[in-house]
Amino acid sequence: MSLALAVVYAAAESEHPLPMPAFLFGLIALAVFAALGIVMWSFRDVANRHAQVSGRPGGDGSGSGGPHGA
């Protein structure tokens, strides 16, 4: 018997009900993933935007044209 199956059997035998309807757990997970996706989407193309704004050699705002600060 796998651990996951043992957990399912133990949960089925438990007398404690869920604190909310089961479909709400899925809705909460969906909302969390949507919020994380929005945060990730807001940072799209940030590196390229900063490279264009700096206008200095290197593109990262450091003023260095070499890969190791040369």
N, C-alpha and C. Protein backbone atom coordinates (compact mmCIF):
# COMPACT_ATOMS: atom_id res chain seq x y z
N MET A 1 0.85 -1.18 0.00
CA MET A 1 0.00 0.00 0.00
C MET A 1 0.90 1.24 0.00
N SER A 2 0.57 2.18 -0.87
CA SER A 2 1.38 3.38 -0.95
C SER A 2 0.99 4.36 0.15
N LEU A 3 1.84 5.31 0.39
CA LEU A 3 1.60 6.31 1.42
C LEU A 3 0.36 7.15 1.08
N ALA A 4 0.21 7.51 -0.19
CA ALA A 4 -0.94 8.31 -0.60
C ALA A 4 -2.24 7.56 -0.36
N LEU A 5 -2.25 6.28 -0.65
CA LEU A 5 -3.45 5.47 -0.42
C LEU A 5 -3.75 5.34 1.07
N ALA A 6 -2.73 5.22 1.87
CA ALA A 6 -2.91 5.15 3.32
C ALA A 6 -3.50 6.45 3.85
N VAL A 7 -3.04 7.57 3.32
CA VAL A 7 -3.58 8.88 3.73
C VAL A 7 -5.05 9.00 3.33
N VAL A 8 -5.39 8.54 2.14
CA VAL A 8 -6.78 8.59 1.68
C VAL A 8 -7.66 7.73 2.58
N TYR A 9 -7.21 6.53 2.91
CA TYR A 9 -7.99 5.66 3.79
C TYR A 9 -8.14 6.28 5.18
N ALA A 10 -7.08 6.87 5.69
CA ALA A 10 -7.15 7.49 7.02
C ALA A 10 -8.11 8.68 7.01
N ALA A 11 -8.10 9.44 5.95
CA ALA A 11 -9.01 10.59 5.84
C ALA A 11 -10.45 10.14 5.72
N ALA A 12 -10.67 9.02 5.02
CA ALA A 12 -12.03 8.51 4.85
C ALA A 12 -12.59 7.99 6.17
N GLU A 13 -11.74 7.47 7.03
CA GLU A 13 -12.19 6.95 8.31
C GLU A 13 -12.29 8.01 9.39
N SER A 14 -11.78 9.19 9.11
CA SER A 14 -11.80 10.26 10.10
C SER A 14 -13.22 10.75 10.33
N GLU A 15 -13.49 11.15 11.56
CA GLU A 15 -14.80 11.66 11.90
C GLU A 15 -14.90 13.17 11.75
N HIS A 16 -13.79 13.83 11.46
CA HIS A 16 -13.78 15.28 11.35
C HIS A 16 -14.19 15.70 9.94
N PRO A 17 -15.20 16.54 9.84
CA PRO A 17 -15.61 17.00 8.50
C PRO A 17 -14.65 18.08 7.97
N LEU A 18 -14.71 18.32 6.69
CA LEU A 18 -13.88 19.37 6.11
C LEU A 18 -14.37 20.73 6.61
N PRO A 19 -13.48 21.69 6.74
CA PRO A 19 -13.89 23.00 7.25
C PRO A 19 -14.73 23.80 6.25
N MET A 20 -14.75 23.37 4.99
CA MET A 20 -15.55 24.03 3.96
C MET A 20 -15.83 23.01 2.87
N PRO A 21 -16.77 23.32 1.97
CA PRO A 21 -17.05 22.36 0.89
C PRO A 21 -15.80 22.08 0.05
N ALA A 22 -15.71 20.88 -0.47
CA ALA A 22 -14.50 20.42 -1.16
C ALA A 22 -14.16 21.27 -2.38
N PHE A 23 -15.17 21.75 -3.14
CA PHE A 23 -14.86 22.51 -4.35
C PHE A 23 -14.22 23.86 -4.02
N LEU A 24 -14.41 24.37 -2.80
CA LEU A 24 -13.78 25.65 -2.43
C LEU A 24 -12.26 25.52 -2.34
N PHE A 25 -11.76 24.35 -1.99
CA PHE A 25 -10.31 24.15 -1.98
C PHE A 25 -9.74 24.36 -3.38
N GLY A 26 -10.42 23.85 -4.39
CA GLY A 26 -10.00 24.06 -5.78
C GLY A 26 -10.09 25.51 -6.19
N LEU A 27 -11.16 26.20 -5.78
CA LEU A 27 -11.29 27.62 -6.11
C LEU A 27 -10.21 28.46 -5.46
N ILE A 28 -9.87 28.13 -4.23
CA ILE A 28 -8.79 28.86 -3.54
C ILE A 28 -7.47 28.63 -4.26
N ALA A 29 -7.18 27.38 -4.63
CA ALA A 29 -5.95 27.08 -5.36
C ALA A 29 -5.92 27.83 -6.70
N LEU A 30 -7.05 27.86 -7.38
CA LEU A 30 -7.13 28.58 -8.66
C LEU A 30 -6.86 30.07 -8.46
N ALA A 31 -7.42 30.65 -7.42
CA ALA A 31 -7.21 32.07 -7.14
C ALA A 31 -5.75 32.36 -6.80
N VAL A 32 -5.12 31.47 -6.03
CA VAL A 32 -3.71 31.67 -5.68
C VAL A 32 -2.83 31.59 -6.92
N PHE A 33 -3.07 30.58 -7.77
CA PHE A 33 -2.26 30.45 -8.98
C PHE A 33 -2.51 31.62 -9.94
N ALA A 34 -3.73 32.10 -10.01
CA ALA A 34 -4.02 33.26 -10.86
C ALA A 34 -3.29 34.49 -10.34
N ALA A 35 -3.28 34.69 -9.03
CA ALA A 35 -2.57 35.84 -8.45
C ALA A 35 -1.07 35.74 -8.71
N LEU A 36 -0.51 34.54 -8.55
CA LEU A 36 0.91 34.36 -8.83
C LEU A 36 1.21 34.57 -10.32
N GLY A 37 0.30 34.15 -11.18
CA GLY A 37 0.48 34.37 -12.61
C GLY A 37 0.45 35.85 -12.96
N ILE A 38 -0.42 36.61 -12.31
CA ILE A 38 -0.48 38.05 -12.55
C ILE A 38 0.81 38.72 -12.09
N VAL A 39 1.32 38.31 -10.94
CA VAL A 39 2.59 38.87 -10.46
C VAL A 39 3.72 38.55 -11.43
N MET A 40 3.78 37.30 -11.90
CA MET A 40 4.82 36.92 -12.85
C MET A 40 4.66 37.68 -14.16
N TRP A 41 3.44 37.86 -14.62
CA TRP A 41 3.18 38.57 -15.87
C TRP A 41 3.61 40.04 -15.75
N SER A 42 3.48 40.62 -14.56
CA SER A 42 3.83 42.03 -14.38
C SER A 42 5.34 42.26 -14.51
N PHE A 43 6.14 41.23 -14.32
CA PHE A 43 7.59 41.38 -14.42
C PHE A 43 8.14 40.96 -15.79
N ARG A 44 7.27 40.77 -16.77
CA ARG A 44 7.74 40.33 -18.09
C ARG A 44 8.58 41.42 -18.74
N ASP A 45 9.63 41.03 -19.38
CA ASP A 45 10.49 41.90 -20.17
C ASP A 45 11.12 43.04 -19.37
N VAL A 46 11.27 42.88 -18.06
CA VAL A 46 11.84 43.94 -17.23
C VAL A 46 13.32 44.14 -17.55
N ALA A 47 14.05 43.07 -17.77
CA ALA A 47 15.48 43.20 -18.04
C ALA A 47 15.72 43.98 -19.32
N ASN A 48 14.96 43.70 -20.37
CA ASN A 48 15.14 44.42 -21.61
C ASN A 48 14.74 45.88 -21.46
N ARG A 49 13.72 46.17 -20.70
CA ARG A 49 13.28 47.53 -20.50
C ARG A 49 14.37 48.35 -19.81
N HIS A 50 15.01 47.77 -18.79
CA HIS A 50 16.06 48.49 -18.09
C HIS A 50 17.30 48.65 -18.95
N ALA A 51 17.60 47.70 -19.80
CA ALA A 51 18.77 47.82 -20.68
C ALA A 51 18.57 48.97 -21.65
N GLN A 52 17.36 49.20 -22.11
CA GLN A 52 17.10 50.29 -23.05
C GLN A 52 17.12 51.64 -22.36
N VAL A 53 16.72 51.71 -21.13
CA VAL A 53 16.62 52.97 -20.41
C VAL A 53 17.99 53.47 -19.99
N SER A 54 18.90 52.59 -19.62
CA SER A 54 20.18 53.03 -19.05
C SER A 54 21.00 53.82 -20.06
N GLY A 55 21.04 53.38 -21.32
CA GLY A 55 21.77 54.08 -22.36
C GLY A 55 23.27 54.02 -22.21
N ARG A 56 23.78 53.28 -21.25
CA ARG A 56 25.22 53.18 -21.05
C ARG A 56 25.72 51.85 -21.58
N PRO A 57 27.03 51.73 -21.85
CA PRO A 57 27.57 50.46 -22.31
C PRO A 57 27.30 49.37 -21.28
N GLY A 58 26.99 48.22 -21.75
CA GLY A 58 26.72 47.10 -20.85
C GLY A 58 25.23 46.85 -20.73
N GLY A 59 24.42 47.88 -20.78
CA GLY A 59 22.99 47.74 -20.74
C GLY A 59 22.41 47.43 -19.37
N ASP A 60 23.28 47.18 -18.40
CA ASP A 60 22.75 46.86 -17.07
C ASP A 60 22.86 48.04 -16.13
N GLY A 61 23.31 49.18 -16.61
CA GLY A 61 23.41 50.37 -15.78
C GLY A 61 24.72 50.48 -15.03
N SER A 62 25.62 49.49 -15.19
CA SER A 62 26.87 49.54 -14.45
C SER A 62 27.93 50.36 -15.16
N GLY A 63 27.75 50.61 -16.45
CA GLY A 63 28.74 51.36 -17.20
C GLY A 63 29.86 50.49 -17.71
N SER A 64 29.81 49.22 -17.45
CA SER A 64 30.86 48.30 -17.86
C SER A 64 30.45 47.63 -19.17
N GLY A 65 31.37 47.61 -20.11
CA GLY A 65 31.08 46.98 -21.38
C GLY A 65 31.47 45.52 -21.45
N GLY A 66 32.32 45.08 -20.53
CA GLY A 66 32.81 43.72 -20.54
C GLY A 66 31.95 42.78 -19.72
N PRO A 67 32.10 41.48 -19.97
CA PRO A 67 31.28 40.53 -19.24
C PRO A 67 31.65 40.41 -17.76
N HIS A 68 32.91 40.76 -17.40
CA HIS A 68 33.35 40.62 -16.02
C HIS A 68 33.79 41.97 -15.44
N GLY A 69 33.20 43.04 -15.90
CA GLY A 69 33.53 44.36 -15.36
C GLY A 69 34.81 44.95 -15.92
N ALA A 70 35.26 44.44 -17.06
CA ALA A 70 36.52 44.94 -17.64
C ALA A 70 36.32 46.30 -18.28
